[in-house]
Amino acid sequence: MIKPNIISFLDVVTRMGDVELDLEEVIVKTDSYLENKTLLEAQIPSKTGLIILGREDQVNKLRNLGDERK
């Protein structure tokens, strides 16, 4: 489950001023040109204009964000 502070952050980020942003999850399929590439190698922002917020293999780090202070 995503922590409430992350939900609040996403709520603010997706409704900044008159700009509304859409968040989407993308799955990289086997044999995709993205398979086994780093985010830098994939060059997604320069090729598509999209901004990558995170990767699934980093989800546990995000879920535990702030837990080290407890």
PDB file of N, CA and C in Angstrom:
ATOM      1  N   MET A   1       0.843  -1.177   0.000  1.00  0.00           N
ATOM      2  CA  MET A   1       0.000   0.000   0.000  1.00  0.00           C
ATOM      3  C   MET A   1       0.886   1.237   0.000  1.00  0.00           C
ATOM      4  N   ILE A   2       0.520   2.228  -0.768  1.00  0.00           N
ATOM      5  CA  ILE A   2       1.270   3.469  -0.835  1.00  0.00           C
ATOM      6  C   ILE A   2       0.945   4.318   0.383  1.00  0.00           C
ATOM      7  N   LYS A   3       1.970   4.913   0.970  1.00  0.00           N
ATOM      8  CA  LYS A   3       1.789   5.735   2.162  1.00  0.00           C
ATOM      9  C   LYS A   3       1.033   7.019   1.825  1.00  0.00           C
ATOM     10  N   PRO A   4       0.260   7.536   2.766  1.00  0.00           N
ATOM     11  CA  PRO A   4      -0.544   8.754   2.526  1.00  0.00           C
ATOM     12  C   PRO A   4       0.275   9.953   2.076  1.00  0.00           C
ATOM     13  N   ASN A   5       1.511  10.124   2.589  1.00  0.00           N
ATOM     14  CA  ASN A   5       2.309  11.275   2.170  1.00  0.00           C
ATOM     15  C   ASN A   5       2.700  11.195   0.702  1.00  0.00           C
ATOM     16  N   ILE A   6       2.881   9.997   0.172  1.00  0.00           N
ATOM     17  CA  ILE A   6       3.180   9.832  -1.257  1.00  0.00           C
ATOM     18  C   ILE A   6       1.948  10.175  -2.082  1.00  0.00           C
ATOM     19  N   ILE A   7       0.783   9.732  -1.622  1.00  0.00           N
ATOM     20  CA  ILE A   7      -0.469  10.064  -2.315  1.00  0.00           C
ATOM     21  C   ILE A   7      -0.663  11.577  -2.338  1.00  0.00           C
ATOM     22  N   SER A   8      -0.417  12.240  -1.214  1.00  0.00           N
ATOM     23  CA  SER A   8      -0.553  13.701  -1.159  1.00  0.00           C
ATOM     24  C   SER A   8       0.412  14.376  -2.123  1.00  0.00           C
ATOM     25  N   PHE A   9       1.646  13.904  -2.164  1.00  0.00           N
ATOM     26  CA  PHE A   9       2.629  14.458  -3.091  1.00  0.00           C
ATOM     27  C   PHE A   9       2.155  14.317  -4.532  1.00  0.00           C
ATOM     28  N   LEU A  10       1.710  13.127  -4.900  1.00  0.00           N
ATOM     29  CA  LEU A  10       1.250  12.896  -6.267  1.00  0.00           C
ATOM     30  C   LEU A  10       0.027  13.742  -6.587  1.00  0.00           C
ATOM     31  N   ASP A  11      -0.839  13.925  -5.620  1.00  0.00           N
ATOM     32  CA  ASP A  11      -2.024  14.752  -5.809  1.00  0.00           C
ATOM     33  C   ASP A  11      -1.625  16.194  -6.125  1.00  0.00           C
ATOM     34  N   VAL A  12      -0.653  16.716  -5.403  1.00  0.00           N
ATOM     35  CA  VAL A  12      -0.185  18.087  -5.641  1.00  0.00           C
ATOM     36  C   VAL A  12       0.525  18.187  -6.987  1.00  0.00           C
ATOM     37  N   VAL A  13       1.402  17.251  -7.282  1.00  0.00           N
ATOM     38  CA  VAL A  13       2.187  17.294  -8.516  1.00  0.00           C
ATOM     39  C   VAL A  13       1.299  17.190  -9.750  1.00  0.00           C
ATOM     40  N   THR A  14       0.249  16.426  -9.686  1.00  0.00           N
ATOM     41  CA  THR A  14      -0.595  16.241 -10.871  1.00  0.00           C
ATOM     42  C   THR A  14      -1.621  17.344 -11.052  1.00  0.00           C
ATOM     43  N   ARG A  15      -1.669  18.322 -10.155  1.00  0.00           N
ATOM     44  CA  ARG A  15      -2.638  19.411 -10.281  1.00  0.00           C
ATOM     45  C   ARG A  15      -1.975  20.765 -10.013  1.00  0.00           C
ATOM     46  N   MET A  16      -0.867  21.010 -10.655  1.00  0.00           N
ATOM     47  CA  MET A  16      -0.128  22.258 -10.454  1.00  0.00           C
ATOM     48  C   MET A  16      -0.691  23.343 -11.366  1.00  0.00           C
ATOM     49  N   GLY A  17      -1.277  24.381 -10.789  1.00  0.00           N
ATOM     50  CA  GLY A  17      -1.811  25.491 -11.565  1.00  0.00           C
ATOM     51  C   GLY A  17      -2.860  25.033 -12.553  1.00  0.00           C
ATOM     52  N   ASP A  18      -2.752  25.521 -13.768  1.00  0.00           N
ATOM     53  CA  ASP A  18      -3.702  25.159 -14.812  1.00  0.00           C
ATOM     54  C   ASP A  18      -3.275  23.915 -15.579  1.00  0.00           C
ATOM     55  N   VAL A  19      -2.165  23.328 -15.184  1.00  0.00           N
ATOM     56  CA  VAL A  19      -1.643  22.156 -15.883  1.00  0.00           C
ATOM     57  C   VAL A  19      -2.083  20.901 -15.156  1.00  0.00           C
ATOM     58  N   GLU A  20      -2.640  19.977 -15.890  1.00  0.00           N
ATOM     59  CA  GLU A  20      -3.002  18.686 -15.300  1.00  0.00           C
ATOM     60  C   GLU A  20      -2.125  17.621 -15.922  1.00  0.00           C
ATOM     61  N   LEU A  21      -1.500  16.825 -15.078  1.00  0.00           N
ATOM     62  CA  LEU A  21      -0.611  15.771 -15.545  1.00  0.00           C
ATOM     63  C   LEU A  21      -1.266  14.421 -15.368  1.00  0.00           C
ATOM     64  N   ASP A  22      -0.994  13.519 -16.284  1.00  0.00           N
ATOM     65  CA  ASP A  22      -1.493  12.152 -16.179  1.00  0.00           C
ATOM     66  C   ASP A  22      -0.338  11.237 -15.796  1.00  0.00           C
ATOM     67  N   LEU A  23      -0.583  10.349 -14.857  1.00  0.00           N
ATOM     68  CA  LEU A  23       0.403   9.347 -14.465  1.00  0.00           C
ATOM     69  C   LEU A  23      -0.023   8.008 -15.033  1.00  0.00           C
ATOM     70  N   GLU A  24       0.910   7.310 -15.650  1.00  0.00           N
ATOM     71  CA  GLU A  24       0.620   6.017 -16.249  1.00  0.00           C
ATOM     72  C   GLU A  24       1.699   5.018 -15.868  1.00  0.00           C
ATOM     73  N   GLU A  25       1.302   3.774 -15.757  1.00  0.00           N
ATOM     74  CA  GLU A  25       2.257   2.689 -15.549  1.00  0.00           C
ATOM     75  C   GLU A  25       2.509   2.042 -16.900  1.00  0.00           C
ATOM     76  N   VAL A  26       3.771   1.808 -17.204  1.00  0.00           N
ATOM     77  CA  VAL A  26       4.135   1.189 -18.481  1.00  0.00           C
ATOM     78  C   VAL A  26       4.904  -0.088 -18.186  1.00  0.00           C
ATOM     79  N   ILE A  27       4.546  -1.149 -18.853  1.00  0.00           N
ATOM     80  CA  ILE A  27       5.226  -2.435 -18.689  1.00  0.00           C
ATOM     81  C   ILE A  27       6.115  -2.659 -19.912  1.00  0.00           C
ATOM     82  N   VAL A  28       7.392  -2.925 -19.662  1.00  0.00           N
ATOM     83  CA  VAL A  28       8.327  -3.212 -20.749  1.00  0.00           C
ATOM     84  C   VAL A  28       8.268  -4.707 -21.020  1.00  0.00           C
ATOM     85  N   LYS A  29       7.814  -5.039 -22.216  1.00  0.00           N
ATOM     86  CA  LYS A  29       7.647  -6.453 -22.583  1.00  0.00           C
ATOM     87  C   LYS A  29       8.956  -7.050 -23.091  1.00  0.00           C
ATOM     88  N   THR A  30       9.028  -8.358 -23.031  1.00  0.00           N
ATOM     89  CA  THR A  30      10.172  -9.084 -23.564  1.00  0.00           C
ATOM     90  C   THR A  30      10.367  -8.718 -25.024  1.00  0.00           C
ATOM     91  N   ASP A  31      11.604  -8.551 -25.421  1.00  0.00           N
ATOM     92  CA  ASP A  31      12.006  -8.194 -26.790  1.00  0.00           C
ATOM     93  C   ASP A  31      11.722  -6.735 -27.143  1.00  0.00           C
ATOM     94  N   SER A  32      11.307  -5.920 -26.165  1.00  0.00           N
ATOM     95  CA  SER A  32      11.160  -4.480 -26.391  1.00  0.00           C
ATOM     96  C   SER A  32      12.542  -3.871 -26.567  1.00  0.00           C
ATOM     97  N   TYR A  33      12.640  -2.777 -27.310  1.00  0.00           N
ATOM     98  CA  TYR A  33      13.931  -2.111 -27.440  1.00  0.00           C
ATOM     99  C   TYR A  33      14.402  -1.543 -26.097  1.00  0.00           C
ATOM    100  N   LEU A  34      13.494  -1.443 -25.127  1.00  0.00           N
ATOM    101  CA  LEU A  34      13.838  -0.944 -23.793  1.00  0.00           C
ATOM    102  C   LEU A  34      14.377  -2.037 -22.868  1.00  0.00           C
ATOM    103  N   GLU A  35      14.165  -3.279 -23.237  1.00  0.00           N
ATOM    104  CA  GLU A  35      14.570  -4.383 -22.364  1.00  0.00           C
ATOM    105  C   GLU A  35      16.075  -4.341 -22.097  1.00  0.00           C
ATOM    106  N   ASN A  36      16.442  -4.460 -20.829  1.00  0.00           N
ATOM    107  CA  ASN A  36      17.825  -4.492 -20.363  1.00  0.00           C
ATOM    108  C   ASN A  36      18.583  -3.177 -20.571  1.00  0.00           C
ATOM    109  N   LYS A  37      17.884  -2.077 -20.809  1.00  0.00           N
ATOM    110  CA  LYS A  37      18.533  -0.779 -20.933  1.00  0.00           C
ATOM    111  C   LYS A  37      18.337   0.000 -19.639  1.00  0.00           C
ATOM    112  N   THR A  38      19.321   0.818 -19.310  1.00  0.00           N
ATOM    113  CA  THR A  38      19.158   1.726 -18.192  1.00  0.00           C
ATOM    114  C   THR A  38      18.262   2.871 -18.658  1.00  0.00           C
ATOM    115  N   LEU A  39      17.785   3.661 -17.710  1.00  0.00           N
ATOM    116  CA  LEU A  39      16.967   4.817 -18.094  1.00  0.00           C
ATOM    117  C   LEU A  39      17.776   5.789 -18.950  1.00  0.00           C
ATOM    118  N   LEU A  40      19.039   5.935 -18.658  1.00  0.00           N
ATOM    119  CA  LEU A  40      19.891   6.820 -19.444  1.00  0.00           C
ATOM    120  C   LEU A  40      20.040   6.302 -20.878  1.00  0.00           C
ATOM    121  N   GLU A  41      20.268   5.013 -21.018  1.00  0.00           N
ATOM    122  CA  GLU A  41      20.405   4.406 -22.349  1.00  0.00           C
ATOM    123  C   GLU A  41      19.106   4.473 -23.149  1.00  0.00           C
ATOM    124  N   ALA A  42      17.978   4.349 -22.479  1.00  0.00           N
ATOM    125  CA  ALA A  42      16.679   4.345 -23.166  1.00  0.00           C
ATOM    126  C   ALA A  42      16.331   5.711 -23.754  1.00  0.00           C
ATOM    127  N   GLN A  43      16.844   6.783 -23.174  1.00  0.00           N
ATOM    128  CA  GLN A  43      16.618   8.150 -23.665  1.00  0.00           C
ATOM    129  C   GLN A  43      15.122   8.465 -23.842  1.00  0.00           C
ATOM    130  N   ILE A  44      14.320   7.996 -22.911  1.00  0.00           N
ATOM    131  CA  ILE A  44      12.871   8.172 -23.024  1.00  0.00           C
ATOM    132  C   ILE A  44      12.452   9.641 -23.055  1.00  0.00           C
ATOM    133  N   PRO A  45      12.962  10.499 -22.175  1.00  0.00           N
ATOM    134  CA  PRO A  45      12.532  11.902 -22.241  1.00  0.00           C
ATOM    135  C   PRO A  45      12.852  12.568 -23.583  1.00  0.00           C
ATOM    136  N   SER A  46      14.051  12.337 -24.109  1.00  0.00           N
ATOM    137  CA  SER A  46      14.416  12.997 -25.357  1.00  0.00           C
ATOM    138  C   SER A  46      13.675  12.416 -26.566  1.00  0.00           C
ATOM    139  N   LYS A  47      13.316  11.142 -26.501  1.00  0.00           N
ATOM    140  CA  LYS A  47      12.610  10.503 -27.622  1.00  0.00           C
ATOM    141  C   LYS A  47      11.096  10.713 -27.563  1.00  0.00           C
ATOM    142  N   THR A  48      10.542  10.874 -26.346  1.00  0.00           N
ATOM    143  CA  THR A  48       9.075  10.898 -26.218  1.00  0.00           C
ATOM    144  C   THR A  48       8.523  12.124 -25.517  1.00  0.00           C
ATOM    145  N   GLY A  49       9.372  12.835 -24.760  1.00  0.00           N
ATOM    146  CA  GLY A  49       8.881  13.955 -23.965  1.00  0.00           C
ATOM    147  C   GLY A  49       8.305  13.522 -22.627  1.00  0.00           C
ATOM    148  N   LEU A  50       8.351  12.222 -22.337  1.00  0.00           N
ATOM    149  CA  LEU A  50       7.819  11.704 -21.076  1.00  0.00           C
ATOM    150  C   LEU A  50       8.838  11.835 -19.949  1.00  0.00           C
ATOM    151  N   ILE A  51       8.341  11.913 -18.727  1.00  0.00           N
ATOM    152  CA  ILE A  51       9.189  11.973 -17.544  1.00  0.00           C
ATOM    153  C   ILE A  51       8.988  10.688 -16.750  1.00  0.00           C
ATOM    154  N   ILE A  52      10.074  10.009 -16.438  1.00  0.00           N
ATOM    155  CA  ILE A  52      10.007   8.770 -15.662  1.00  0.00           C
ATOM    156  C   ILE A  52      10.067   9.126 -14.177  1.00  0.00           C
ATOM    157  N   LEU A  53       9.060   8.685 -13.418  1.00  0.00           N
ATOM    158  CA  LEU A  53       9.032   8.957 -11.981  1.00  0.00           C
ATOM    159  C   LEU A  53       9.657   7.845 -11.165  1.00  0.00           C
ATOM    160  N   GLY A  54       9.652   6.640 -11.666  1.00  0.00           N
ATOM    161  CA  GLY A  54      10.212   5.541 -10.897  1.00  0.00           C
ATOM    162  C   GLY A  54      10.193   4.249 -11.678  1.00  0.00           C
ATOM    163  N   ARG A  55      10.879   3.273 -11.137  1.00  0.00           N
ATOM    164  CA  ARG A  55      10.905   1.936 -11.729  1.00  0.00           C
ATOM    165  C   ARG A  55      10.409   0.940 -10.699  1.00  0.00           C
ATOM    166  N   GLU A  56       9.767  -0.106 -11.169  1.00  0.00           N
ATOM    167  CA  GLU A  56       9.189  -1.095 -10.248  1.00  0.00           C
ATOM    168  C   GLU A  56      10.240  -1.732  -9.358  1.00  0.00           C
ATOM    169  N   ASP A  57      11.442  -1.927  -9.882  1.00  0.00           N
ATOM    170  CA  ASP A  57      12.472  -2.541  -9.036  1.00  0.00           C
ATOM    171  C   ASP A  57      12.938  -1.605  -7.928  1.00  0.00           C
ATOM    172  N   GLN A  58      12.447  -0.371  -7.922  1.00  0.00           N
ATOM    173  CA  GLN A  58      12.766   0.592  -6.873  1.00  0.00           C
ATOM    174  C   GLN A  58      11.592   0.825  -5.922  1.00  0.00           C
ATOM    175  N   VAL A  59      10.466   0.126  -6.139  1.00  0.00           N
ATOM    176  CA  VAL A  59       9.251   0.345  -5.360  1.00  0.00           C
ATOM    177  C   VAL A  59       9.466   0.117  -3.872  1.00  0.00           C
ATOM    178  N   ASN A  60      10.171  -0.943  -3.488  1.00  0.00           N
ATOM    179  CA  ASN A  60      10.384  -1.221  -2.064  1.00  0.00           C
ATOM    180  C   ASN A  60      11.139  -0.096  -1.379  1.00  0.00           C
ATOM    181  N   LYS A  61      12.076   0.531  -2.080  1.00  0.00           N
ATOM    182  CA  LYS A  61      12.784   1.676  -1.502  1.00  0.00           C
ATOM    183  C   LYS A  61      11.815   2.817  -1.250  1.00  0.00           C
ATOM    184  N   LEU A  62      10.894   3.053  -2.174  1.00  0.00           N
ATOM    185  CA  LEU A  62       9.904   4.108  -1.992  1.00  0.00           C
ATOM    186  C   LEU A  62       8.925   3.778  -0.879  1.00  0.00           C
ATOM    187  N   ARG A  63       8.510   2.522  -0.795  1.00  0.00           N
ATOM    188  CA  ARG A  63       7.562   2.120   0.245  1.00  0.00           C
ATOM    189  C   ARG A  63       8.149   2.322   1.635  1.00  0.00           C
ATOM    190  N   ASN A  64       9.460   2.142   1.737  1.00  0.00           N
ATOM    191  CA  ASN A  64      10.117   2.245   3.035  1.00  0.00           C
ATOM    192  C   ASN A  64      10.707   3.623   3.284  1.00  0.00           C
ATOM    193  N   LEU A  65      10.444   4.562   2.399  1.00  0.00           N
ATOM    194  CA  LEU A  65      10.989   5.913   2.523  1.00  0.00           C
ATOM    195  C   LEU A  65      10.566   6.514   3.858  1.00  0.00           C
ATOM    196  N   GLY A  66      11.522   6.943   4.597  1.00  0.00           N
ATOM    197  CA  GLY A  66      11.237   7.573   5.895  1.00  0.00           C
ATOM    198  C   GLY A  66      11.239   6.596   7.055  1.00  0.00           C
ATOM    199  N   ASP A  67      11.176   5.300   6.778  1.00  0.00           N
ATOM    200  CA  ASP A  67      11.158   4.314   7.858  1.00  0.00           C
ATOM    201  C   ASP A  67      12.456   4.308   8.648  1.00  0.00           C
ATOM    202  N   GLU A  68      13.556   4.744   8.024  1.00  0.00           N
ATOM    203  CA  GLU A  68      14.834   4.725   8.720  1.00  0.00           C
ATOM    204  C   GLU A  68      14.867   5.697   9.900  1.00  0.00           C
ATOM    205  N   ARG A  69      13.921   6.640   9.953  1.00  0.00           N
ATOM    206  CA  ARG A  69      13.857   7.593  11.060  1.00  0.00           C
ATOM    207  C   ARG A  69      13.150   7.023  12.275  1.00  0.00           C
ATOM    208  N   LYS A  70      12.509   5.895  12.160  1.00  0.00           N
ATOM    209  CA  LYS A  70      11.742   5.307  13.272  1.00  0.00           C
ATOM    210  C   LYS A  70      12.636   4.564  14.225  1.00  0.00           C
TER     211      LYS A  70
END
